[in-house]
């Protein structure tokens, strides 16, 4: 991985539309002392699904993989995809 402060781990989660999914997901990051830099959630009532995208800047690859595995453990979570990408340069 290039410089850790310029890399963002992106977690995309699909789960059943259950009220416990969001606090469980965010709680897992909190347990590791991490604050997501961005998170987006959408609920689709028509198919009873919840879609979350959580991004964390400066995360090591091994920690990101452990968190992805932890996000997969709740029964209502259907899929978790973890990817990392270089953060875009921000204009000063």
PDB file of N, CA and C in Angstrom:
ATOM      1  N   UNK A   1       0.848  -1.166   0.000  1.00  0.00           N
ATOM      2  CA  UNK A   1       0.000   0.000   0.000  1.00  0.00           C
ATOM      3  C   UNK A   1       0.894   1.229   0.000  1.00  0.00           C
ATOM      4  N   UNK A   2       0.470   2.293  -0.677  1.00  0.00           N
ATOM      5  CA  UNK A   2       1.276   3.507  -0.680  1.00  0.00           C
ATOM      6  C   UNK A   2       1.175   4.175   0.677  1.00  0.00           C
ATOM      7  N   UNK A   3       1.267   5.482   0.766  1.00  0.00           N
ATOM      8  CA  UNK A   3       1.275   6.123   2.074  1.00  0.00           C
ATOM      9  C   UNK A   3      -0.082   5.966   2.759  1.00  0.00           C
ATOM     10  N   UNK A   4      -0.083   5.471   4.030  1.00  0.00           N
ATOM     11  CA  UNK A   4      -1.330   5.167   4.723  1.00  0.00           C
ATOM     12  C   UNK A   4      -2.258   6.359   4.898  1.00  0.00           C
ATOM     13  N   UNK A   5      -1.695   7.568   5.011  1.00  0.00           N
ATOM     14  CA  UNK A   5      -2.557   8.727   5.221  1.00  0.00           C
ATOM     15  C   UNK A   5      -3.236   9.172   3.930  1.00  0.00           C
ATOM     16  N   UNK A   6      -2.914   8.547   2.809  1.00  0.00           N
ATOM     17  CA  UNK A   6      -3.504   8.913   1.523  1.00  0.00           C
ATOM     18  C   UNK A   6      -4.368   7.788   0.965  1.00  0.00           C
ATOM     19  N   UNK A   7      -4.671   6.772   1.782  1.00  0.00           N
ATOM     20  CA  UNK A   7      -5.453   5.629   1.331  1.00  0.00           C
ATOM     21  C   UNK A   7      -6.752   5.560   2.109  1.00  0.00           C
ATOM     22  N   UNK A   8      -7.822   5.234   1.419  1.00  0.00           N
ATOM     23  CA  UNK A   8      -9.135   5.120   2.035  1.00  0.00           C
ATOM     24  C   UNK A   8      -9.641   3.695   1.867  1.00  0.00           C
ATOM     25  N   UNK A   9     -10.057   3.076   2.975  1.00  0.00           N
ATOM     26  CA  UNK A   9     -10.706   1.762   2.912  1.00  0.00           C
ATOM     27  C   UNK A   9     -12.198   2.007   2.766  1.00  0.00           C
ATOM     28  N   UNK A  10     -12.811   1.335   1.803  1.00  0.00           N
ATOM     29  CA  UNK A  10     -14.231   1.521   1.515  1.00  0.00           C
ATOM     30  C   UNK A  10     -14.952   0.192   1.755  1.00  0.00           C
ATOM     31  N   UNK A  11     -15.935   0.210   2.633  1.00  0.00           N
ATOM     32  CA  UNK A  11     -16.715  -0.972   2.964  1.00  0.00           C
ATOM     33  C   UNK A  11     -18.132  -0.775   2.421  1.00  0.00           C
ATOM     34  N   UNK A  12     -18.580  -1.690   1.580  1.00  0.00           N
ATOM     35  CA  UNK A  12     -19.928  -1.639   1.031  1.00  0.00           C
ATOM     36  C   UNK A  12     -20.683  -2.825   1.605  1.00  0.00           C
ATOM     37  N   UNK A  13     -21.776  -2.545   2.296  1.00  0.00           N
ATOM     38  CA  UNK A  13     -22.509  -3.566   3.049  1.00  0.00           C
ATOM     39  C   UNK A  13     -23.942  -3.636   2.548  1.00  0.00           C
ATOM     40  N   UNK A  14     -24.415  -4.845   2.302  1.00  0.00           N
ATOM     41  CA  UNK A  14     -25.819  -5.082   1.978  1.00  0.00           C
ATOM     42  C   UNK A  14     -26.359  -5.978   3.073  1.00  0.00           C
ATOM     43  N   UNK A  15     -27.486  -5.570   3.651  1.00  0.00           N
ATOM     44  CA  UNK A  15     -28.058  -6.323   4.766  1.00  0.00           C
ATOM     45  C   UNK A  15     -29.573  -6.258   4.715  1.00  0.00           C
ATOM     46  N   UNK A  16     -30.187  -7.114   5.506  1.00  0.00           N
ATOM     47  CA  UNK A  16     -31.631  -7.024   5.680  1.00  0.00           C
ATOM     48  C   UNK A  16     -31.925  -5.691   6.367  1.00  0.00           C
ATOM     49  N   UNK A  17     -33.068  -5.103   6.061  1.00  0.00           N
ATOM     50  CA  UNK A  17     -33.437  -3.820   6.665  1.00  0.00           C
ATOM     51  C   UNK A  17     -33.819  -4.062   8.123  1.00  0.00           C
ATOM     52  N   UNK A  18     -32.802  -4.117   8.965  1.00  0.00           N
ATOM     53  CA  UNK A  18     -32.969  -4.379  10.397  1.00  0.00           C
ATOM     54  C   UNK A  18     -32.419  -3.184  11.163  1.00  0.00           C
ATOM     55  N   UNK A  19     -33.129  -2.697  12.181  1.00  0.00           N
ATOM     56  CA  UNK A  19     -32.663  -1.512  12.902  1.00  0.00           C
ATOM     57  C   UNK A  19     -31.324  -1.708  13.622  1.00  0.00           C
ATOM     58  N   UNK A  20     -30.897  -2.929  13.836  1.00  0.00           N
ATOM     59  CA  UNK A  20     -29.644  -3.171  14.536  1.00  0.00           C
ATOM     60  C   UNK A  20     -28.405  -3.133  13.664  1.00  0.00           C
ATOM     61  N   UNK A  21     -28.568  -3.118  12.345  1.00  0.00           N
ATOM     62  CA  UNK A  21     -27.410  -3.188  11.444  1.00  0.00           C
ATOM     63  C   UNK A  21     -26.516  -1.965  11.576  1.00  0.00           C
ATOM     64  N   UNK A  22     -27.074  -0.778  11.527  1.00  0.00           N
ATOM     65  CA  UNK A  22     -26.265   0.444  11.567  1.00  0.00           C
ATOM     66  C   UNK A  22     -25.471   0.566  12.867  1.00  0.00           C
ATOM     67  N   UNK A  23     -26.092   0.421  14.047  1.00  0.00           N
ATOM     68  CA  UNK A  23     -25.274   0.526  15.265  1.00  0.00           C
ATOM     69  C   UNK A  23     -24.218  -0.580  15.377  1.00  0.00           C
ATOM     70  N   UNK A  24     -24.516  -1.778  14.878  1.00  0.00           N
ATOM     71  CA  UNK A  24     -23.509  -2.846  14.907  1.00  0.00           C
ATOM     72  C   UNK A  24     -22.327  -2.498  14.020  1.00  0.00           C
ATOM     73  N   UNK A  25     -22.610  -1.994  12.828  1.00  0.00           N
ATOM     74  CA  UNK A  25     -21.530  -1.654  11.887  1.00  0.00           C
ATOM     75  C   UNK A  25     -20.671  -0.522  12.432  1.00  0.00           C
ATOM     76  N   UNK A  26     -21.292   0.559  12.851  1.00  0.00           N
ATOM     77  CA  UNK A  26     -20.531   1.701  13.360  1.00  0.00           C
ATOM     78  C   UNK A  26     -19.821   1.322  14.663  1.00  0.00           C
ATOM     79  N   UNK A  27     -20.466   0.489  15.483  1.00  0.00           N
ATOM     80  CA  UNK A  27     -19.868   0.047  16.740  1.00  0.00           C
ATOM     81  C   UNK A  27     -18.591  -0.744  16.536  1.00  0.00           C
ATOM     82  N   UNK A  28     -18.521  -1.514  15.454  1.00  0.00           N
ATOM     83  CA  UNK A  28     -17.315  -2.280  15.168  1.00  0.00           C
ATOM     84  C   UNK A  28     -16.133  -1.349  14.910  1.00  0.00           C
ATOM     85  N   UNK A  29     -16.367  -0.263  14.186  1.00  0.00           N
ATOM     86  CA  UNK A  29     -15.303   0.711  13.946  1.00  0.00           C
ATOM     87  C   UNK A  29     -14.912   1.391  15.255  1.00  0.00           C
ATOM     88  N   UNK A  30     -15.891   1.720  16.083  1.00  0.00           N
ATOM     89  CA  UNK A  30     -15.617   2.367  17.364  1.00  0.00           C
ATOM     90  C   UNK A  30     -14.774   1.470  18.273  1.00  0.00           C
ATOM     91  N   UNK A  31     -15.042   0.168  18.264  1.00  0.00           N
ATOM     92  CA  UNK A  31     -14.252  -0.771  19.072  1.00  0.00           C
ATOM     93  C   UNK A  31     -12.772  -0.722  18.716  1.00  0.00           C
ATOM     94  N   UNK A  32     -12.481  -0.407  17.473  1.00  0.00           N
ATOM     95  CA  UNK A  32     -11.095  -0.332  17.005  1.00  0.00           C
ATOM     96  C   UNK A  32     -10.548   1.100  17.067  1.00  0.00           C
ATOM     97  N   UNK A  33     -11.309   2.007  17.673  1.00  0.00           N
ATOM     98  CA  UNK A  33     -10.865   3.395  17.811  1.00  0.00           C
ATOM     99  C   UNK A  33     -10.848   4.158  16.505  1.00  0.00           C
ATOM    100  N   UNK A  34     -11.689   3.749  15.562  1.00  0.00           N
ATOM    101  CA  UNK A  34     -11.716   4.377  14.239  1.00  0.00           C
ATOM    102  C   UNK A  34     -12.983   5.204  14.057  1.00  0.00           C
ATOM    103  N   UNK A  35     -12.833   6.345  13.416  1.00  0.00           N
ATOM    104  CA  UNK A  35     -13.970   7.194  13.085  1.00  0.00           C
ATOM    105  C   UNK A  35     -14.076   7.233  11.562  1.00  0.00           C
ATOM    106  N   UNK A  36     -15.190   6.744  11.013  1.00  0.00           N
ATOM    107  CA  UNK A  36     -15.342   6.798   9.554  1.00  0.00           C
ATOM    108  C   UNK A  36     -15.264   8.233   9.047  1.00  0.00           C
ATOM    109  N   UNK A  37     -14.607   8.417   7.910  1.00  0.00           N
ATOM    110  CA  UNK A  37     -14.523   9.741   7.306  1.00  0.00           C
ATOM    111  C   UNK A  37     -15.782  10.054   6.508  1.00  0.00           C
ATOM    112  N   UNK A  38     -16.518   8.992   6.126  1.00  0.00           N
ATOM    113  CA  UNK A  38     -17.752   9.173   5.356  1.00  0.00           C
ATOM    114  C   UNK A  38     -18.598   7.926   5.515  1.00  0.00           C
ATOM    115  N   UNK A  39     -19.891   8.110   5.619  1.00  0.00           N
ATOM    116  CA  UNK A  39     -20.805   6.975   5.602  1.00  0.00           C
ATOM    117  C   UNK A  39     -22.113   7.403   4.977  1.00  0.00           C
ATOM    118  N   UNK A  40     -22.687   6.479   4.215  1.00  0.00           N
ATOM    119  CA  UNK A  40     -23.931   6.723   3.508  1.00  0.00           C
ATOM    120  C   UNK A  40     -24.782   5.478   3.688  1.00  0.00           C
ATOM    121  N   UNK A  41     -26.049   5.673   3.960  1.00  0.00           N
ATOM    122  CA  UNK A  41     -26.947   4.538   4.101  1.00  0.00           C
ATOM    123  C   UNK A  41     -28.242   4.774   3.344  1.00  0.00           C
ATOM    124  N   UNK A  42     -28.743   3.731   2.730  1.00  0.00           N
ATOM    125  CA  UNK A  42     -30.014   3.788   2.013  1.00  0.00           C
ATOM    126  C   UNK A  42     -30.815   2.551   2.363  1.00  0.00           C
ATOM    127  N   UNK A  43     -32.090   2.757   2.657  1.00  0.00           N
ATOM    128  CA  UNK A  43     -32.990   1.634   2.902  1.00  0.00           C
ATOM    129  C   UNK A  43     -33.957   1.551   1.732  1.00  0.00           C
ATOM    130  N   UNK A  44     -34.171   0.348   1.267  1.00  0.00           N
ATOM    131  CA  UNK A  44     -35.104   0.106   0.175  1.00  0.00           C
ATOM    132  C   UNK A  44     -36.246  -0.736   0.718  1.00  0.00           C
ATOM    133  N   UNK A  45     -37.354  -0.081   1.032  1.00  0.00           N
ATOM    134  CA  UNK A  45     -38.490  -0.767   1.634  1.00  0.00           C
ATOM    135  C   UNK A  45     -39.081  -1.819   0.714  1.00  0.00           C
ATOM    136  N   UNK A  46     -39.036  -1.588  -0.590  1.00  0.00           N
ATOM    137  CA  UNK A  46     -39.618  -2.525  -1.544  1.00  0.00           C
ATOM    138  C   UNK A  46     -39.020  -3.920  -1.467  1.00  0.00           C
ATOM    139  N   UNK A  47     -37.703  -3.998  -1.222  1.00  0.00           N
ATOM    140  CA  UNK A  47     -37.075  -5.322  -1.133  1.00  0.00           C
ATOM    141  C   UNK A  47     -36.481  -5.582   0.250  1.00  0.00           C
ATOM    142  N   UNK A  48     -36.835  -4.755   1.222  1.00  0.00           N
ATOM    143  CA  UNK A  48     -36.396  -4.924   2.621  1.00  0.00           C
ATOM    144  C   UNK A  48     -34.875  -5.041   2.746  1.00  0.00           C
ATOM    145  N   UNK A  49     -34.147  -4.177   2.059  1.00  0.00           N
ATOM    146  CA  UNK A  49     -32.682  -4.200   2.101  1.00  0.00           C
ATOM    147  C   UNK A  49     -32.147  -2.860   2.605  1.00  0.00           C
ATOM    148  N   UNK A  50     -30.991  -2.948   3.225  1.00  0.00           N
ATOM    149  CA  UNK A  50     -30.263  -1.779   3.687  1.00  0.00           C
ATOM    150  C   UNK A  50     -28.895  -1.810   3.019  1.00  0.00           C
ATOM    151  N   UNK A  51     -28.483  -0.677   2.469  1.00  0.00           N
ATOM    152  CA  UNK A  51     -27.193  -0.565   1.805  1.00  0.00           C
ATOM    153  C   UNK A  51     -26.375   0.506   2.524  1.00  0.00           C
ATOM    154  N   UNK A  52     -25.170   0.160   2.966  1.00  0.00           N
ATOM    155  CA  UNK A  52     -24.289   1.092   3.667  1.00  0.00           C
ATOM    156  C   UNK A  52     -22.947   1.159   2.952  1.00  0.00           C
ATOM    157  N   UNK A  53     -22.395   2.344   2.888  1.00  0.00           N
ATOM    158  CA  UNK A  53     -21.018   2.525   2.432  1.00  0.00           C
ATOM    159  C   UNK A  53     -20.309   3.296   3.523  1.00  0.00           C
ATOM    160  N   UNK A  54     -19.231   2.717   4.034  1.00  0.00           N
ATOM    161  CA  UNK A  54     -18.456   3.340   5.113  1.00  0.00           C
ATOM    162  C   UNK A  54     -17.019   3.462   4.628  1.00  0.00           C
ATOM    163  N   UNK A  55     -16.455   4.674   4.741  1.00  0.00           N
ATOM    164  CA  UNK A  55     -15.080   4.928   4.315  1.00  0.00           C
ATOM    165  C   UNK A  55     -14.246   5.355   5.519  1.00  0.00           C
ATOM    166  N   UNK A  56     -13.021   4.848   5.576  1.00  0.00           N
ATOM    167  CA  UNK A  56     -12.091   5.207   6.644  1.00  0.00           C
ATOM    168  C   UNK A  56     -10.757   5.556   6.007  1.00  0.00           C
ATOM    169  N   UNK A  57     -10.279   6.763   6.266  1.00  0.00           N
ATOM    170  CA  UNK A  57      -8.998   7.208   5.726  1.00  0.00           C
ATOM    171  C   UNK A  57      -7.844   6.648   6.555  1.00  0.00           C
ATOM    172  N   UNK A  58      -6.747   6.316   5.875  1.00  0.00           N
ATOM    173  CA  UNK A  58      -5.510   5.933   6.551  1.00  0.00           C
ATOM    174  C   UNK A  58      -5.535   4.593   7.249  1.00  0.00           C
ATOM    175  N   UNK A  59      -6.332   3.648   6.793  1.00  0.00           N
ATOM    176  CA  UNK A  59      -6.431   2.344   7.442  1.00  0.00           C
ATOM    177  C   UNK A  59      -5.461   1.360   6.794  1.00  0.00           C
ATOM    178  N   UNK A  60      -4.773   0.583   7.625  1.00  0.00           N
ATOM    179  CA  UNK A  60      -3.879  -0.453   7.119  1.00  0.00           C
ATOM    180  C   UNK A  60      -4.705  -1.573   6.483  1.00  0.00           C
ATOM    181  N   UNK A  61      -4.153  -2.185   5.453  1.00  0.00           N
ATOM    182  CA  UNK A  61      -4.855  -3.219   4.695  1.00  0.00           C
ATOM    183  C   UNK A  61      -5.281  -4.400   5.576  1.00  0.00           C
ATOM    184  N   UNK A  62      -4.403  -4.852   6.482  1.00  0.00           N
ATOM    185  CA  UNK A  62      -4.752  -6.004   7.325  1.00  0.00           C
ATOM    186  C   UNK A  62      -5.889  -5.679   8.282  1.00  0.00           C
ATOM    187  N   UNK A  63      -5.905  -4.466   8.815  1.00  0.00           N
ATOM    188  CA  UNK A  63      -6.995  -4.043   9.703  1.00  0.00           C
ATOM    189  C   UNK A  63      -8.301  -3.967   8.915  1.00  0.00           C
ATOM    190  N   UNK A  64      -8.238  -3.460   7.696  1.00  0.00           N
ATOM    191  CA  UNK A  64      -9.429  -3.358   6.848  1.00  0.00           C
ATOM    192  C   UNK A  64     -10.024  -4.738   6.582  1.00  0.00           C
ATOM    193  N   UNK A  65      -9.186  -5.728   6.315  1.00  0.00           N
ATOM    194  CA  UNK A  65      -9.684  -7.082   6.063  1.00  0.00           C
ATOM    195  C   UNK A  65     -10.303  -7.689   7.330  1.00  0.00           C
ATOM    196  N   UNK A  66      -9.701  -7.444   8.484  1.00  0.00           N
ATOM    197  CA  UNK A  66     -10.285  -7.935   9.744  1.00  0.00           C
ATOM    198  C   UNK A  66     -11.644  -7.300  10.001  1.00  0.00           C
ATOM    199  N   UNK A  67     -11.755  -5.994   9.755  1.00  0.00           N
ATOM    200  CA  UNK A  67     -13.038  -5.320   9.950  1.00  0.00           C
ATOM    201  C   UNK A  67     -14.085  -5.840   8.972  1.00  0.00           C
ATOM    202  N   UNK A  68     -13.692  -6.078   7.735  1.00  0.00           N
ATOM    203  CA  UNK A  68     -14.638  -6.620   6.752  1.00  0.00           C
ATOM    204  C   UNK A  68     -15.162  -7.973   7.223  1.00  0.00           C
ATOM    205  N   UNK A  69     -14.284  -8.819   7.754  1.00  0.00           N
ATOM    206  CA  UNK A  69     -14.726 -10.113   8.284  1.00  0.00           C
ATOM    207  C   UNK A  69     -15.658  -9.932   9.470  1.00  0.00           C
ATOM    208  N   UNK A  70     -15.367  -8.962  10.328  1.00  0.00           N
ATOM    209  CA  UNK A  70     -16.239  -8.678  11.464  1.00  0.00           C
ATOM    210  C   UNK A  70     -17.602  -8.170  11.039  1.00  0.00           C
ATOM    211  N   UNK A  71     -17.644  -7.412   9.950  1.00  0.00           N
ATOM    212  CA  UNK A  71     -18.918  -6.901   9.439  1.00  0.00           C
ATOM    213  C   UNK A  71     -19.774  -8.014   8.842  1.00  0.00           C
ATOM    214  N   UNK A  72     -19.149  -9.088   8.425  1.00  0.00           N
ATOM    215  CA  UNK A  72     -19.887 -10.203   7.831  1.00  0.00           C
ATOM    216  C   UNK A  72     -20.563 -11.097   8.866  1.00  0.00           C
ATOM    217  N   UNK A  73     -20.185 -10.995  10.123  1.00  0.00           N
ATOM    218  CA  UNK A  73     -20.669 -11.946  11.125  1.00  0.00           C
ATOM    219  C   UNK A  73     -22.127 -11.795  11.555  1.00  0.00           C
ATOM    220  N   UNK A  74     -22.715 -10.587  11.616  1.00  0.00           N
ATOM    221  CA  UNK A  74     -24.134 -10.544  12.007  1.00  0.00           C
ATOM    222  C   UNK A  74     -25.012 -11.307  11.006  1.00  0.00           C
ATOM    223  N   UNK A  75     -26.013 -11.997  11.515  1.00  0.00           N
ATOM    224  CA  UNK A  75     -26.856 -12.835  10.673  1.00  0.00           C
ATOM    225  C   UNK A  75     -27.590 -12.063   9.582  1.00  0.00           C
ATOM    226  N   UNK A  76     -27.950 -10.809   9.833  1.00  0.00           N
ATOM    227  CA  UNK A  76     -28.738 -10.066   8.847  1.00  0.00           C
ATOM    228  C   UNK A  76     -27.881  -9.466   7.731  1.00  0.00           C
ATOM    229  N   UNK A  77     -26.543  -9.490   7.862  1.00  0.00           N
ATOM    230  CA  UNK A  77     -25.671  -8.967   6.817  1.00  0.00           C
ATOM    231  C   UNK A  77     -25.533 -10.007   5.721  1.00  0.00           C
ATOM    232  N   UNK A  78     -25.814  -9.589   4.496  1.00  0.00           N
ATOM    233  CA  UNK A  78     -25.777 -10.503   3.350  1.00  0.00           C
ATOM    234  C   UNK A  78     -24.435 -10.470   2.633  1.00  0.00           C
ATOM    235  N   UNK A  79     -23.914  -9.284   2.352  1.00  0.00           N
ATOM    236  CA  UNK A  79     -22.624  -9.172   1.676  1.00  0.00           C
ATOM    237  C   UNK A  79     -21.839  -7.985   2.220  1.00  0.00           C
ATOM    238  N   UNK A  80     -20.513  -8.122   2.187  1.00  0.00           N
ATOM    239  CA  UNK A  80     -19.597  -7.032   2.519  1.00  0.00           C
ATOM    240  C   UNK A  80     -18.499  -7.064   1.472  1.00  0.00           C
ATOM    241  N   UNK A  81     -18.243  -5.921   0.853  1.00  0.00           N
ATOM    242  CA  UNK A  81     -17.153  -5.790  -0.103  1.00  0.00           C
ATOM    243  C   UNK A  81     -16.224  -4.720   0.447  1.00  0.00           C
ATOM    244  N   UNK A  82     -14.925  -5.048   0.546  1.00  0.00           N
ATOM    245  CA  UNK A  82     -13.949  -4.079   1.023  1.00  0.00           C
ATOM    246  C   UNK A  82     -12.989  -3.794  -0.108  1.00  0.00           C
ATOM    247  N   UNK A  83     -12.705  -2.518  -0.306  1.00  0.00           N
ATOM    248  CA  UNK A  83     -11.766  -2.093  -1.325  1.00  0.00           C
ATOM    249  C   UNK A  83     -10.979  -0.933  -0.746  1.00  0.00           C
ATOM    250  N   UNK A  84      -9.800  -0.686  -1.272  1.00  0.00           N
ATOM    251  CA  UNK A  84      -9.053   0.485  -0.847  1.00  0.00           C
ATOM    252  C   UNK A  84      -8.706   1.296  -2.078  1.00  0.00           C
ATOM    253  N   UNK A  85      -8.610   2.574  -1.864  1.00  0.00           N
ATOM    254  CA  UNK A  85      -8.290   3.455  -2.985  1.00  0.00           C
ATOM    255  C   UNK A  85      -7.516   4.650  -2.464  1.00  0.00           C
ATOM    256  N   UNK A  86      -6.731   5.234  -3.338  1.00  0.00           N
ATOM    257  CA  UNK A  86      -5.972   6.424  -2.974  1.00  0.00           C
ATOM    258  C   UNK A  86      -6.947   7.586  -2.863  1.00  0.00           C
ATOM    259  N   UNK A  87      -6.797   8.360  -1.807  1.00  0.00           N
ATOM    260  CA  UNK A  87      -7.646   9.531  -1.628  1.00  0.00           C
ATOM    261  C   UNK A  87      -7.284  10.575  -2.677  1.00  0.00           C
ATOM    262  N   UNK A  88      -8.285  11.253  -3.160  1.00  0.00           N
ATOM    263  CA  UNK A  88      -8.044  12.309  -4.140  1.00  0.00           C
ATOM    264  C   UNK A  88      -7.370  13.491  -3.466  1.00  0.00           C
ATOM    265  N   UNK A  89      -6.474  14.121  -4.170  1.00  0.00           N
ATOM    266  CA  UNK A  89      -5.804  15.301  -3.623  1.00  0.00           C
ATOM    267  C   UNK A  89      -6.835  16.394  -3.400  1.00  0.00           C
ATOM    268  N   UNK A  90      -6.800  16.965  -2.227  1.00  0.00           N
ATOM    269  CA  UNK A  90      -7.742  18.049  -1.897  1.00  0.00           C
ATOM    270  C   UNK A  90      -7.098  19.386  -2.186  1.00  0.00           C
ATOM    271  N   UNK A  91      -7.889  20.253  -2.741  1.00  0.00           N
ATOM    272  CA  UNK A  91      -7.376  21.598  -3.040  1.00  0.00           C
ATOM    273  C   UNK A  91      -7.289  22.412  -1.779  1.00  0.00           C
ATOM    274  N   UNK A  92      -6.185  23.149  -1.629  1.00  0.00           N
ATOM    275  CA  UNK A  92      -5.983  23.975  -0.430  1.00  0.00           C
ATOM    276  C   UNK A  92      -6.783  25.239  -0.499  1.00  0.00           C
TER     277      UNK A  92
END
